[in-house]
Each structure stands twice: as structure tokens, then as C-alpha cells.
Amino acid sequence: GGAAMRAEEQRRKEIEKIERDKRREADNVHEEMERVRGELEQAKKGQAAAVSRVKNLERDCKDLRDKIQVLLTKTDNDDGLIQALQSEMQNMMRRNREEKRRRAEAEGTPGELEEARG
């Protein structure tokens, strides 16, 4: 009887050890699963943030392109205005020279006539 009980006790201890090892392994697997789940959640948040950032950058880029287009249009308009003003100045200077020449011719002084031709 004693040897059979010792053998049964030994098997019970072995079974308990196997159960403890299985529980420990299950706990480890559970912890690993929770860690991986947390990493996945962080990755999803990171991806959502990156997608949001890309959308913001695309919107900013479009806004900048629109502003550049406005500036180019203004530049073209300014160039046209500058040309018109330069042309107007040249016309005024020409009319002024012609007026001086006419006055000099009317008054008849050679110095004024020479200056008007200048």
C-alpha cells in the first residue's frame, strides 16, 4: 500500500506541476497578447495621426498653390500697369519737350531752342 500511495502522490505532484506550468504559460501568453494588442492600438493611433497630417499638408499645399496663383496674377497686372505708366510718362516727356521747343521757337532765343532740342 505504501509504495502505491507514494507513486500516486508522485503522479499528483507531477500533475500539479504540469498544471502550474500550463497556468504560467497561459499567463505569459495572455500578457504577450495584451502587449501586442497595446502595440496595435498605438500603431492604429499613429496611422490615424499620419493620415490626418497628410490631409492637413495637402490642404496647406493647395492653399499655397492658390496664393501663388493670386500673386502671379497680381504680378501680371502690376507689369501691365507699370508698362502703361511708363508709356504715359514717355508721352508726357515727349509732349513737354515739344511744348518747350514750341515756346523756344515762338520766343526765338537760340539757347532755349538748343536746350529744347536737347
Foldseek 3Di string as FASTA:
>chain_A
DVVVVVVVVVVVVVVVVVVVVVVVVVVVVVVVVVVVVVVVVVVVVVVVVVVVVVVVVVVVVVVVVVVVVVVVVVVVVVVVVVVVVVVVVVVVVVVVLVVQCVVCVVVVDPVSNVVSVD
